[in-house]
Amino acid sequence: MPDQPARPISRELQALRDAALDECLSGRIDRRTLLRYASVIGLSGMGAALGLTSARDALAASATTASPSGSATPARPTPLIRVAGLTPAGAIDPLTISDPASVPLLNQTCDYLVVDDEQGKLVPSLATAWHPNAKGDVWTFTLRDGVKFHDGQVLNAKDVVATFDRLTDPATGSAALSVFKGVLSKGGTRAVDARTVEFHLDAPNGNFPYYVSSDSYNAVILPASYAGDFEKTFIGTGPFRLEQYKRQRGATFVRNPTYWGSPAIPDRVQFVFYADAPAQLLAMQGRQADVMPNMTVLSGLSMLNNPAFKVLAVKSSSHRQIHMRCDQGPFADARVRAALALTLDRDAIARGLFRGRAQLGNDSPFAPVFASTDASVPQRHADLARARQLLSEAGVAKGFAVTLTTERFEEMSDLAVLVQNAAKQIGIQVTLKVEPQSAYYGAAAFGKSDWLDSTLGITDYGHRGIPNVFLSATLTSNGPWNAAHFRNADYDRYVGEYVGALDLPAQRKAAAQIQNLLLAQTPVAIPYFFDALTATTATVSGVRFSAISQLYLERASIG
């Protein structure tokens, strides 16, 4: 496809660009952070402005790409790539999926408007350009020309409108409603012409492009005529087409000859479903599979230093949130909450549970991967003397007994034991209640869920390219996931300022206020953010994946 002509930027966007450049040139942010931010507001040319001249810099600064992988086609053709996947939790439906086993199936045949790449930078996919209005409550996207769905229909703006009306309609049962609530409502997506779409938001939002990117795994673009039964066709615009899908067993996809990007290298991609990580690992060790997505350190220890395999890593915002109820019991006192957080040796936890494949958490959802995170906020470290002092000041110098409730998932049982042992050092006696996920989450409503009702709990949160959902859903006064029952008017105001800010300095200012407030109040402790991992056999190359479970195989090859 020919490149789109450069779009002159408005004075507002020029001001945003200049402010971000000043941040970088002054040393307050690095080049990678600048490029991530520029990608959000649809600005290209940042690399040239900084004098980036190397091939790597040019690739990072590029605002267009033929396909999400963007790598050169190797000479050797590849007949088949075999994937050892987990069994999906239910029907494969773009509207309702929420499990990591389903996401990589979806993105074999479907595309997003924008792709969140391995560095957290947004790159074009079905949309080639995007930009906000001056207020940040209307975002305009330009669609790629000549894209076809697998049935021959040509992609146009009406397909995008229908997709997002479906995702934002409360009557559809959309899994994306928790993401779009308060951001985009049904009817807010409008076709300007065949290749131009406007998103009229509920409120200004400086990071909106992430909401319609691969960061929202439900947001694949489907035809306006789509009426359900996705498993029968897997219809989309992606690099592969469905050959066969068998529930509980597997799926096979073949190269899409009409794909808008570079033709896929593999002739065929085959997913075989396995019940759990040990079964996936056996398939890899037995050379029955070439790729193992969604690997964890604990499930793949035998592959980490084995030359027969490659373990690929992507930095992420995935974390575990230790909530402490702020409205009742011992944790109603912020000093008690801070005391518990001060018992955690974050360095040791990250090394022990993740073999160093994690970054330290600082008791707020602002992960190191986010462009807006203020790294100047002091890092919290274990300090038992200060923890004991805080308990004494709170009138519980001898400690107290409490039950910690959590889910049986990945390393979380081990983390619960580490919290139990750490708390014991200052006299807090923790009894563990580790439940199956179905029991822990229950009805996912206050008064009906161990997750939302427990005095002390640990919850898993998967990767997001921006912290907005973590900030709003889990900690604002009316947040639907506010397990800490935290209510703070200053916090709510700071989050509103952060979400609405378009320029990076304003985002970082609000982020610093949020980070410092959460350190002072400590409704949650977040000890680490861990890397997303995927394993391949040593002869496989060209596999790309995201921290939110997308698996890109169109550039994959063997040998």
Protein backbone atom coordinates (compact mmCIF):
# COMPACT_ATOMS: atom_id res chain seq x y z
CA MET A 1 0.00 0.00 0.00
CA PRO A 2 1.34 3.50 -0.73
CA ASP A 3 2.15 5.63 2.29
CA GLN A 4 -0.42 8.22 3.27
CA PRO A 5 0.59 11.87 2.70
CA ALA A 6 1.83 13.64 5.79
CA ARG A 7 -0.94 15.42 7.69
CA PRO A 8 -0.13 18.98 8.81
CA ILE A 9 -0.41 19.10 12.57
CA SER A 10 -2.50 21.65 14.42
CA ARG A 11 -1.12 24.30 16.74
CA GLU A 12 -2.41 22.26 19.68
CA LEU A 13 -0.48 19.18 18.55
CA GLN A 14 2.59 21.31 17.87
CA ALA A 15 2.41 22.52 21.47
CA LEU A 16 2.11 18.93 22.75
CA ARG A 17 5.06 17.88 20.59
CA ASP A 18 7.23 20.79 21.76
CA ALA A 19 6.42 20.13 25.44
CA ALA A 20 7.38 16.46 25.05
CA LEU A 21 10.60 17.37 23.22
CA ASP A 22 11.50 19.76 26.04
CA GLU A 23 10.98 16.93 28.56
CA CYS A 24 13.35 14.70 26.59
CA LEU A 25 16.01 17.28 25.84
CA SER A 26 16.08 18.31 29.51
CA GLY A 27 16.72 14.70 30.53
CA ARG A 28 13.43 14.22 32.41
CA ILE A 29 12.38 11.43 30.03
CA ASP A 30 14.36 9.16 27.72
CA ARG A 31 13.97 8.78 23.95
CA ARG A 32 11.94 5.59 24.18
CA THR A 33 9.45 7.26 26.53
CA LEU A 34 9.19 10.22 24.17
CA LEU A 35 8.44 7.97 21.20
CA ARG A 36 5.82 6.04 23.17
CA TYR A 37 4.07 9.28 24.09
CA ALA A 38 4.29 10.61 20.52
CA SER A 39 2.65 7.44 19.23
CA VAL A 40 -0.37 7.96 21.50
CA ILE A 41 -1.27 11.38 20.13
CA GLY A 42 -0.49 10.36 16.55
CA LEU A 43 2.70 12.36 16.04
CA SER A 44 5.43 11.16 13.69
CA GLY A 45 8.80 12.74 13.08
CA MET A 46 9.93 12.75 16.70
CA GLY A 47 12.99 10.70 15.74
CA ALA A 48 14.08 13.26 13.17
CA ALA A 49 13.53 16.04 15.69
CA LEU A 50 15.97 14.30 18.03
CA GLY A 51 18.51 13.53 15.32
CA LEU A 52 17.99 9.76 15.50
CA THR A 53 19.92 8.37 12.57
CA SER A 54 20.62 4.71 13.21
CA ALA A 55 18.52 1.99 11.57
CA ARG A 56 17.17 0.95 14.95
CA ASP A 57 16.20 4.53 15.83
CA ALA A 58 14.56 5.00 12.45
CA LEU A 59 12.48 1.86 12.92
CA ALA A 60 11.41 2.92 16.40
CA ALA A 61 10.45 6.39 15.21
CA SER A 62 8.51 5.21 12.16
CA ALA A 63 4.79 6.01 12.19
CA THR A 64 3.82 3.42 9.57
CA THR A 65 4.38 -0.30 9.23
CA ALA A 66 3.29 -2.93 6.76
CA SER A 67 2.37 -5.37 9.51
CA PRO A 68 2.62 -5.60 13.32
CA SER A 69 5.77 -7.70 13.13
CA GLY A 70 7.61 -5.40 10.77
CA SER A 71 10.52 -7.81 10.24
CA ALA A 72 12.04 -8.93 6.96
CA THR A 73 10.89 -12.15 5.35
CA PRO A 74 13.50 -14.90 5.73
CA ALA A 75 14.48 -16.88 2.65
CA ARG A 76 13.37 -20.26 3.95
CA PRO A 77 9.62 -21.01 3.66
CA THR A 78 7.91 -22.59 6.67
CA PRO A 79 5.13 -25.11 6.10
CA LEU A 80 3.85 -25.26 9.68
CA ILE A 81 4.23 -23.54 13.07
CA ARG A 82 2.86 -25.60 16.00
CA VAL A 83 1.64 -23.87 19.15
CA ALA A 84 1.09 -25.54 22.52
CA GLY A 85 -1.77 -23.42 23.81
CA LEU A 86 -3.94 -23.64 26.88
CA THR A 87 -7.54 -24.73 26.47
CA PRO A 88 -9.83 -21.69 26.11
CA ALA A 89 -12.18 -21.08 29.03
CA GLY A 90 -15.27 -20.94 26.81
CA ALA A 91 -16.52 -20.06 23.36
CA ILE A 92 -14.21 -17.94 21.19
CA ASP A 93 -16.26 -14.77 20.84
CA PRO A 94 -14.52 -11.39 20.38
CA LEU A 95 -17.27 -9.77 22.43
CA THR A 96 -16.89 -11.89 25.55
CA ILE A 97 -13.45 -13.51 25.76
CA SER A 98 -11.43 -12.62 28.84
CA ASP A 99 -8.91 -15.45 29.21
CA PRO A 100 -5.30 -15.48 27.95
CA ALA A 101 -5.83 -18.79 26.13
CA SER A 102 -8.38 -17.24 23.75
CA VAL A 103 -6.57 -14.03 22.84
CA PRO A 104 -3.82 -15.55 20.63
CA LEU A 105 -6.46 -17.44 18.64
CA LEU A 106 -8.34 -14.22 17.97
CA ASN A 107 -5.38 -12.31 16.64
CA GLN A 108 -4.41 -14.94 14.04
CA THR A 109 -7.38 -13.91 11.89
CA CYS A 110 -8.30 -10.45 13.17
CA ASP A 111 -6.70 -7.01 13.36
CA TYR A 112 -6.97 -3.98 15.63
CA LEU A 113 -7.04 -0.33 14.61
CA VAL A 114 -3.69 0.14 16.34
CA VAL A 115 -1.12 -2.26 17.79
CA ASP A 116 0.61 -1.81 21.15
CA ASP A 117 4.12 -3.09 20.37
CA GLU A 118 6.75 -4.70 22.60
CA GLN A 119 8.03 -1.29 23.75
CA GLY A 120 4.53 -0.03 24.57
CA LYS A 121 4.52 2.21 21.47
CA LEU A 122 1.38 2.38 19.34
CA VAL A 123 1.93 1.54 15.66
CA PRO A 124 -0.60 1.62 12.82
CA SER A 125 -2.56 -1.44 11.80
CA LEU A 126 -6.03 -0.94 10.29
CA ALA A 127 -5.73 2.75 11.17
CA THR A 128 -2.87 4.69 9.60
CA ALA A 129 -3.23 7.95 11.55
CA TRP A 130 -5.03 9.40 14.58
CA HIS A 131 -5.18 12.66 16.48
CA PRO A 132 -7.23 14.38 19.19
CA ASN A 133 -9.06 17.71 19.15
CA ALA A 134 -7.76 20.47 21.41
CA LYS A 135 -9.85 19.30 24.37
CA GLY A 136 -9.06 15.59 24.00
CA ASP A 137 -12.70 14.47 23.94
CA VAL A 138 -12.87 13.75 20.19
CA TRP A 139 -10.32 11.51 18.50
CA THR A 140 -10.18 11.07 14.72
CA PHE A 141 -8.80 7.92 13.06
CA THR A 142 -7.98 7.41 9.37
CA LEU A 143 -8.45 3.87 8.06
CA ARG A 144 -6.10 1.98 5.76
CA ASP A 145 -7.30 1.82 2.17
CA GLY A 146 -8.17 -1.41 0.35
CA VAL A 147 -8.32 -3.79 3.35
CA LYS A 148 -10.57 -6.81 2.83
CA PHE A 149 -12.29 -9.16 5.24
CA HIS A 150 -11.88 -12.86 4.56
CA ASP A 151 -15.27 -12.98 2.81
CA GLY A 152 -14.26 -10.26 0.35
CA GLN A 153 -16.00 -7.29 1.99
CA VAL A 154 -13.92 -4.10 1.96
CA LEU A 155 -13.26 -2.53 5.35
CA ASN A 156 -14.88 0.87 5.88
CA ALA A 157 -15.83 3.21 8.71
CA LYS A 158 -19.22 1.56 9.21
CA ASP A 159 -17.47 -1.65 10.29
CA VAL A 160 -15.53 0.27 12.94
CA VAL A 161 -18.68 2.02 14.17
CA ALA A 162 -20.55 -1.29 14.43
CA THR A 163 -17.64 -2.93 16.26
CA PHE A 164 -17.42 -0.28 18.98
CA ASP A 165 -21.17 0.16 19.32
CA ARG A 166 -21.29 -3.59 19.98
CA LEU A 167 -18.48 -3.41 22.54
CA THR A 168 -20.00 -0.43 24.39
CA ASP A 169 -23.63 -1.60 24.40
CA PRO A 170 -24.67 -2.65 27.95
CA ALA A 171 -27.12 -5.13 26.44
CA THR A 172 -24.52 -7.26 24.65
CA GLY A 173 -22.65 -8.70 27.63
CA SER A 174 -19.41 -7.21 26.30
CA ALA A 175 -16.32 -8.00 28.36
CA ALA A 176 -14.97 -4.59 27.31
CA LEU A 177 -17.64 -2.63 29.19
CA SER A 178 -15.42 -2.38 32.27
CA VAL A 179 -12.77 -0.71 30.09
CA PHE A 180 -15.05 1.66 28.17
CA LYS A 181 -17.35 2.68 31.04
CA GLY A 182 -17.06 6.44 31.48
CA VAL A 183 -14.80 6.65 28.44
CA LEU A 184 -16.86 5.78 25.35
CA SER A 185 -20.60 5.08 25.14
CA LYS A 186 -22.69 3.43 22.46
CA GLY A 187 -23.35 6.00 19.75
CA GLY A 188 -20.09 7.82 20.45
CA THR A 189 -18.34 6.22 17.45
CA ARG A 190 -19.26 8.00 14.21
CA ALA A 191 -18.38 7.57 10.54
CA VAL A 192 -17.26 10.83 8.92
CA ASP A 193 -16.70 9.19 5.56
CA ALA A 194 -15.71 5.73 4.33
CA ARG A 195 -12.18 6.01 5.74
CA THR A 196 -12.59 8.39 8.67
CA VAL A 197 -13.96 7.60 12.12
CA GLU A 198 -14.53 9.96 15.04
CA PHE A 199 -14.74 8.81 18.65
CA HIS A 200 -16.77 11.27 20.74
CA LEU A 201 -15.79 10.47 24.32
CA ASP A 202 -17.71 10.78 27.57
CA ALA A 203 -14.86 12.93 28.93
CA PRO A 204 -11.42 14.10 27.75
CA ASN A 205 -8.89 11.28 27.66
CA GLY A 206 -5.24 11.78 26.77
CA ASN A 207 -4.52 8.06 26.31
CA PHE A 208 -7.64 7.08 24.36
CA PRO A 209 -5.86 5.37 21.40
CA TYR A 210 -4.83 2.58 23.79
CA TYR A 211 -8.52 1.82 24.39
CA VAL A 212 -9.06 0.97 20.72
CA SER A 213 -5.70 -0.77 20.27
CA SER A 214 -4.58 -4.34 20.86
CA ASP A 215 -4.35 -3.29 24.51
CA SER A 216 -8.13 -3.95 24.55
CA TYR A 217 -8.10 -7.54 23.35
CA ASN A 218 -11.85 -7.54 22.56
CA ALA A 219 -11.47 -4.61 20.15
CA VAL A 220 -10.75 -6.54 16.93
CA ILE A 221 -12.56 -5.04 13.96
CA LEU A 222 -15.42 -7.19 12.61
CA PRO A 223 -17.74 -6.54 9.66
CA ALA A 224 -20.84 -4.44 10.30
CA SER A 225 -22.82 -7.47 9.11
CA TYR A 226 -21.35 -9.73 11.81
CA ALA A 227 -24.16 -11.57 13.63
CA GLY A 228 -22.34 -13.97 15.94
CA ASP A 229 -21.09 -17.57 15.70
CA PHE A 230 -17.50 -16.43 15.41
CA GLU A 231 -16.15 -19.97 15.85
CA LYS A 232 -17.67 -20.98 12.50
CA THR A 233 -15.64 -18.50 10.46
CA PHE A 234 -13.13 -16.56 12.65
CA ILE A 235 -13.83 -13.74 10.18
CA GLY A 236 -11.43 -10.84 10.18
CA THR A 237 -8.82 -9.01 8.13
CA GLY A 238 -5.77 -10.79 9.56
CA PRO A 239 -2.83 -12.70 8.05
CA PHE A 240 -4.43 -16.12 8.48
CA ARG A 241 -7.84 -17.61 7.75
CA LEU A 242 -9.59 -20.38 9.65
CA GLU A 243 -9.11 -23.89 8.34
CA GLN A 244 -10.56 -25.85 11.26
CA TYR A 245 -11.59 -25.22 14.86
CA LYS A 246 -12.48 -27.97 17.34
CA ARG A 247 -13.50 -26.97 20.84
CA GLN A 248 -11.28 -28.36 23.60
CA ARG A 249 -8.90 -29.80 21.00
CA GLY A 250 -7.32 -27.19 18.76
CA ALA A 251 -7.40 -24.94 15.71
CA THR A 252 -5.64 -24.69 12.36
CA PHE A 253 -5.18 -21.51 10.33
CA VAL A 254 -3.87 -21.06 6.78
CA ARG A 255 -2.22 -18.10 5.07
CA ASN A 256 -4.65 -15.38 3.95
CA PRO A 257 -3.83 -14.65 0.26
CA THR A 258 -5.62 -11.27 0.37
CA TYR A 259 -3.95 -9.94 3.51
CA TRP A 260 -3.25 -6.19 3.37
CA GLY A 261 0.26 -6.57 4.83
CA SER A 262 3.22 -8.71 3.84
CA PRO A 263 2.13 -12.30 3.16
CA ALA A 264 2.53 -14.64 6.11
CA ILE A 265 5.65 -16.81 6.04
CA PRO A 266 4.11 -20.01 7.45
CA ASP A 267 1.69 -21.86 5.20
CA ARG A 268 -0.23 -22.99 8.26
CA VAL A 269 -0.40 -22.39 12.01
CA GLN A 270 -1.67 -25.17 14.27
CA PHE A 271 -2.80 -24.73 17.88
CA VAL A 272 -3.16 -27.81 20.09
CA PHE A 273 -4.91 -27.19 23.40
CA TYR A 274 -3.47 -28.49 26.68
CA ALA A 275 -5.02 -28.55 30.13
CA ASP A 276 -2.21 -26.84 32.00
CA ALA A 277 1.35 -25.55 31.89
CA PRO A 278 3.03 -28.90 32.70
CA ALA A 279 1.28 -30.48 29.70
CA GLN A 280 2.43 -27.58 27.49
CA LEU A 281 5.97 -28.05 28.75
CA LEU A 282 5.91 -31.76 27.96
CA ALA A 283 4.77 -30.98 24.42
CA MET A 284 7.72 -28.60 23.98
CA GLN A 285 10.21 -31.05 25.47
CA GLY A 286 8.84 -33.84 23.28
CA ARG A 287 9.23 -31.65 20.16
CA GLN A 288 5.49 -31.78 19.55
CA ALA A 289 5.27 -27.97 19.57
CA ASP A 290 7.40 -25.05 18.42
CA VAL A 291 5.89 -22.24 20.55
CA MET A 292 4.57 -22.08 24.12
CA PRO A 293 2.71 -18.80 24.81
CA ASN A 294 1.87 -17.39 28.24
CA MET A 295 4.77 -19.13 29.93
CA THR A 296 5.55 -18.34 33.56
CA VAL A 297 8.92 -18.59 35.29
CA LEU A 298 7.65 -21.30 37.64
CA SER A 299 6.14 -23.38 34.83
CA GLY A 300 9.17 -23.07 32.57
CA LEU A 301 12.17 -23.30 34.90
CA SER A 302 13.60 -26.19 32.92
CA MET A 303 13.67 -24.08 29.74
CA LEU A 304 15.21 -20.89 31.14
CA ASN A 305 18.84 -21.98 30.68
CA ASN A 306 18.36 -24.81 28.20
CA PRO A 307 20.03 -24.11 24.82
CA ALA A 308 17.35 -26.18 23.09
CA PHE A 309 14.85 -23.38 23.79
CA LYS A 310 14.60 -19.62 23.62
CA VAL A 311 12.66 -17.71 26.27
CA LEU A 312 11.42 -14.35 24.97
CA ALA A 313 10.50 -11.60 27.43
CA VAL A 314 8.46 -8.40 27.23
CA LYS A 315 8.31 -5.85 30.06
CA SER A 316 4.77 -5.46 31.33
CA SER A 317 2.49 -3.83 33.88
CA SER A 318 1.13 -7.21 35.08
CA HIS A 319 1.16 -7.30 38.86
CA ARG A 320 -0.36 -8.60 42.08
CA GLN A 321 -2.29 -6.17 44.21
CA ILE A 322 -2.33 -6.73 47.97
CA HIS A 323 -5.40 -4.84 49.17
CA MET A 324 -6.11 -3.81 52.77
CA ARG A 325 -9.63 -2.70 53.68
CA CYS A 326 -9.57 0.95 54.62
CA ASP A 327 -13.13 1.11 56.00
CA GLN A 328 -12.98 -1.36 58.89
CA GLY A 329 -10.70 -3.39 61.15
CA PRO A 330 -7.00 -2.80 61.79
CA PHE A 331 -6.31 -1.53 58.28
CA ALA A 332 -8.63 1.44 58.74
CA ASP A 333 -5.49 3.16 60.05
CA ALA A 334 -3.10 4.14 57.23
CA ARG A 335 -0.14 3.58 59.56
CA VAL A 336 -1.04 -0.10 59.89
CA ARG A 337 -1.33 -0.45 56.12
CA ALA A 338 2.06 1.17 55.61
CA ALA A 339 3.58 -1.06 58.29
CA LEU A 340 2.56 -4.21 56.45
CA ALA A 341 3.92 -2.82 53.16
CA LEU A 342 7.23 -2.03 54.86
CA THR A 343 7.76 -5.71 55.79
CA LEU A 344 8.07 -6.74 52.12
CA ASP A 345 11.57 -7.32 50.75
CA ARG A 346 10.70 -6.57 47.13
CA ASP A 347 14.15 -7.37 45.75
CA ALA A 348 14.13 -10.82 47.32
CA ILE A 349 10.55 -11.49 46.21
CA ALA A 350 11.31 -10.57 42.59
CA ARG A 351 14.44 -12.71 42.55
CA GLY A 352 12.79 -15.67 44.24
CA LEU A 353 9.51 -15.79 42.36
CA PHE A 354 10.69 -14.53 38.96
CA ARG A 355 14.44 -15.15 38.85
CA GLY A 356 14.86 -11.42 38.35
CA ARG A 357 12.38 -11.22 35.47
CA ALA A 358 10.37 -8.53 37.25
CA GLN A 359 10.66 -4.88 38.20
CA LEU A 360 10.07 -3.51 41.69
CA GLY A 361 6.63 -2.18 42.53
CA ASN A 362 6.16 0.96 44.59
CA ASP A 363 2.61 0.44 45.89
CA SER A 364 0.87 2.24 43.04
CA PRO A 365 -0.25 0.98 39.60
CA PHE A 366 2.38 3.14 37.88
CA ALA A 367 4.69 0.51 36.42
CA PRO A 368 8.16 1.33 35.06
CA VAL A 369 6.89 0.61 31.52
CA PHE A 370 4.44 3.52 31.54
CA ALA A 371 5.65 6.72 29.87
CA SER A 372 3.95 8.86 32.51
CA THR A 373 5.37 7.13 35.59
CA ASP A 374 7.38 9.58 37.71
CA ALA A 375 10.60 7.69 38.50
CA SER A 376 11.71 10.41 40.93
CA VAL A 377 9.18 9.26 43.56
CA PRO A 378 11.23 7.43 46.24
CA GLN A 379 11.13 3.63 46.09
CA ARG A 380 9.71 1.93 49.17
CA HIS A 381 11.97 -0.73 50.68
CA ALA A 382 11.65 -3.08 53.64
CA ASP A 383 12.09 -1.26 56.95
CA LEU A 384 11.07 -3.38 59.95
CA ALA A 385 12.04 -0.76 62.54
CA ARG A 386 9.80 1.83 60.91
CA ALA A 387 7.02 -0.77 60.53
CA ARG A 388 7.10 -1.57 64.26
CA GLN A 389 7.11 2.13 65.08
CA LEU A 390 4.01 2.70 62.94
CA LEU A 391 2.17 -0.18 64.62
CA SER A 392 3.03 1.28 68.02
CA GLU A 393 1.78 4.73 66.97
CA ALA A 394 -1.45 3.11 65.77
CA GLY A 395 -1.97 1.44 69.16
CA VAL A 396 -1.34 -2.14 68.00
CA ALA A 397 2.30 -2.55 69.01
CA LYS A 398 1.77 -6.24 69.80
CA GLY A 399 0.25 -6.88 66.39
CA PHE A 400 -3.02 -8.58 65.55
CA ALA A 401 -4.48 -11.56 63.70
CA VAL A 402 -5.96 -11.35 60.21
CA THR A 403 -6.94 -13.69 57.36
CA LEU A 404 -5.37 -13.21 53.94
CA THR A 405 -7.63 -14.44 51.13
CA THR A 406 -6.32 -15.08 47.65
CA GLU A 407 -6.72 -17.16 44.50
CA ARG A 408 -4.92 -20.32 43.44
CA PHE A 409 -3.16 -18.97 40.35
CA GLU A 410 0.44 -19.06 39.12
CA GLU A 411 2.85 -17.83 41.87
CA MET A 412 0.17 -16.26 44.08
CA SER A 413 0.09 -19.01 46.71
CA ASP A 414 3.85 -18.57 47.13
CA LEU A 415 3.45 -14.80 47.38
CA ALA A 416 0.81 -15.29 50.09
CA VAL A 417 3.28 -17.35 52.14
CA LEU A 418 5.95 -14.67 51.72
CA VAL A 419 3.50 -12.00 52.94
CA GLN A 420 2.55 -14.22 55.86
CA ASN A 421 6.20 -14.67 56.89
CA ALA A 422 7.03 -10.99 56.41
CA ALA A 423 4.08 -9.81 58.51
CA LYS A 424 5.01 -12.20 61.32
CA GLN A 425 8.22 -10.22 61.84
CA ILE A 426 6.21 -7.30 63.27
CA GLY A 427 3.63 -9.37 65.16
CA ILE A 428 0.88 -9.60 62.53
CA GLN A 429 -0.39 -13.19 62.52
CA VAL A 430 -1.71 -14.01 59.05
CA THR A 431 -3.91 -17.03 58.37
CA LEU A 432 -4.01 -18.01 54.70
CA LYS A 433 -7.19 -18.79 52.77
CA VAL A 434 -6.23 -19.84 49.24
CA GLU A 435 -9.21 -20.53 47.00
CA PRO A 436 -9.95 -21.59 43.43
CA GLN A 437 -10.45 -18.54 41.22
CA SER A 438 -14.19 -19.18 40.91
CA ALA A 439 -14.58 -19.04 44.69
CA TYR A 440 -12.32 -16.03 45.12
CA TYR A 441 -14.07 -13.84 42.55
CA GLY A 442 -17.56 -15.19 43.25
CA ALA A 443 -20.23 -12.92 41.81
CA ALA A 444 -17.62 -10.12 41.42
CA ALA A 445 -19.91 -7.74 43.32
CA PHE A 446 -19.58 -6.10 46.72
CA GLY A 447 -21.19 -8.26 49.39
CA LYS A 448 -20.92 -11.35 47.16
CA SER A 449 -17.21 -11.79 46.53
CA ASP A 450 -14.21 -12.79 48.67
CA TRP A 451 -12.16 -10.64 46.29
CA LEU A 452 -14.10 -7.46 47.09
CA ASP A 453 -15.12 -8.21 50.68
CA SER A 454 -11.98 -9.67 52.30
CA THR A 455 -10.06 -7.65 54.90
CA LEU A 456 -6.74 -8.58 53.32
CA GLY A 457 -6.40 -10.11 49.87
CA ILE A 458 -4.17 -10.59 46.85
CA THR A 459 -5.57 -10.19 43.31
CA ASP A 460 -3.95 -10.71 39.92
CA TYR A 461 -4.02 -7.92 37.36
CA GLY A 462 -2.92 -8.47 33.79
CA HIS A 463 -1.04 -6.05 31.58
CA ARG A 464 -2.41 -2.77 30.29
CA GLY A 465 -0.51 -0.34 28.10
CA ILE A 466 -1.66 2.57 30.25
CA PRO A 467 -2.57 2.70 33.97
CA ASN A 468 -6.05 4.22 33.51
CA VAL A 469 -8.11 1.11 34.30
CA PHE A 470 -5.89 0.23 37.27
CA LEU A 471 -6.24 3.75 38.64
CA SER A 472 -9.97 4.13 38.13
CA ALA A 473 -11.51 0.69 38.60
CA THR A 474 -9.45 -0.44 41.58
CA LEU A 475 -8.96 2.69 43.69
CA THR A 476 -11.39 5.51 42.93
CA SER A 477 -14.18 5.95 45.48
CA ASN A 478 -16.81 4.34 43.25
CA GLY A 479 -14.49 1.94 41.44
CA PRO A 480 -16.15 -1.42 40.69
CA TRP A 481 -12.94 -3.30 41.66
CA ASN A 482 -12.13 -1.23 44.78
CA ALA A 483 -11.37 -4.19 47.05
CA ALA A 484 -9.56 -1.86 49.48
CA HIS A 485 -12.75 0.19 49.96
CA PHE A 486 -10.51 3.23 49.60
CA ARG A 487 -12.21 6.61 49.41
CA ASN A 488 -10.15 9.75 48.98
CA ALA A 489 -11.41 12.91 47.26
CA ASP A 490 -7.88 14.11 46.44
CA TYR A 491 -7.08 10.80 44.79
CA ASP A 492 -10.27 10.92 42.70
CA ARG A 493 -9.40 14.44 41.57
CA TYR A 494 -5.81 13.56 40.67
CA VAL A 495 -7.00 10.57 38.61
CA GLY A 496 -9.44 12.83 36.75
CA GLU A 497 -6.61 15.25 35.99
CA TYR A 498 -4.35 12.42 34.84
CA VAL A 499 -6.92 10.83 32.54
CA GLY A 500 -7.85 14.14 30.93
CA ALA A 501 -4.27 15.38 30.39
CA LEU A 502 -3.04 15.41 26.80
CA ASP A 503 0.53 16.59 27.30
CA LEU A 504 3.17 14.43 28.93
CA PRO A 505 4.31 16.98 31.56
CA ALA A 506 0.73 17.29 32.85
CA GLN A 507 0.38 13.51 32.95
CA ARG A 508 3.61 13.14 34.90
CA LYS A 509 2.62 15.87 37.34
CA ALA A 510 -0.67 14.11 38.09
CA ALA A 511 1.13 10.76 38.23
CA ALA A 512 3.56 12.07 40.87
CA GLN A 513 0.62 13.32 42.97
CA ILE A 514 -1.07 9.93 42.70
CA GLN A 515 2.10 7.97 43.45
CA ASN A 516 2.94 10.04 46.53
CA LEU A 517 -0.64 9.95 47.84
CA LEU A 518 -0.79 6.15 47.51
CA LEU A 519 2.53 5.78 49.32
CA ALA A 520 1.16 7.90 52.17
CA GLN A 521 -2.22 6.13 52.33
CA THR A 522 -1.17 2.61 51.19
CA PRO A 523 -4.58 1.11 50.39
CA VAL A 524 -2.68 -1.49 48.34
CA ALA A 525 0.82 -2.90 48.24
CA ILE A 526 2.23 -3.80 44.83
CA PRO A 527 5.59 -5.55 45.27
CA TYR A 528 6.47 -6.19 41.61
CA PHE A 529 5.55 -5.95 37.92
CA PHE A 530 6.59 -9.10 36.08
CA ASP A 531 7.69 -9.78 32.52
CA ALA A 532 5.50 -11.60 30.01
CA LEU A 533 7.24 -14.70 28.65
CA THR A 534 6.90 -16.92 25.58
CA ALA A 535 9.10 -19.93 24.81
CA THR A 536 10.11 -21.31 21.42
CA THR A 537 12.40 -24.06 20.28
CA ALA A 538 15.91 -22.84 19.43
CA THR A 539 15.38 -23.03 15.65
CA VAL A 540 12.28 -20.80 15.61
CA SER A 541 12.62 -17.09 14.82
CA GLY A 542 10.30 -14.20 14.04
CA VAL A 543 7.75 -14.84 16.82
CA ARG A 544 6.33 -11.68 18.37
CA PHE A 545 3.96 -11.42 21.29
CA SER A 546 2.49 -8.82 23.58
CA ALA A 547 2.21 -8.64 27.34
CA ILE A 548 -1.55 -8.99 26.99
CA SER A 549 -1.29 -12.43 25.28
CA GLN A 550 -1.43 -11.56 21.58
CA LEU A 551 0.77 -13.91 19.56
CA TYR A 552 1.99 -12.77 16.14
CA LEU A 553 3.14 -15.64 13.96
CA GLU A 554 3.01 -14.23 10.41
CA ARG A 555 6.79 -13.66 10.41
CA ALA A 556 7.65 -16.91 12.21
CA SER A 557 10.00 -19.38 10.56
CA ILE A 558 11.97 -22.51 11.41
CA GLY A 559 15.60 -23.20 10.62
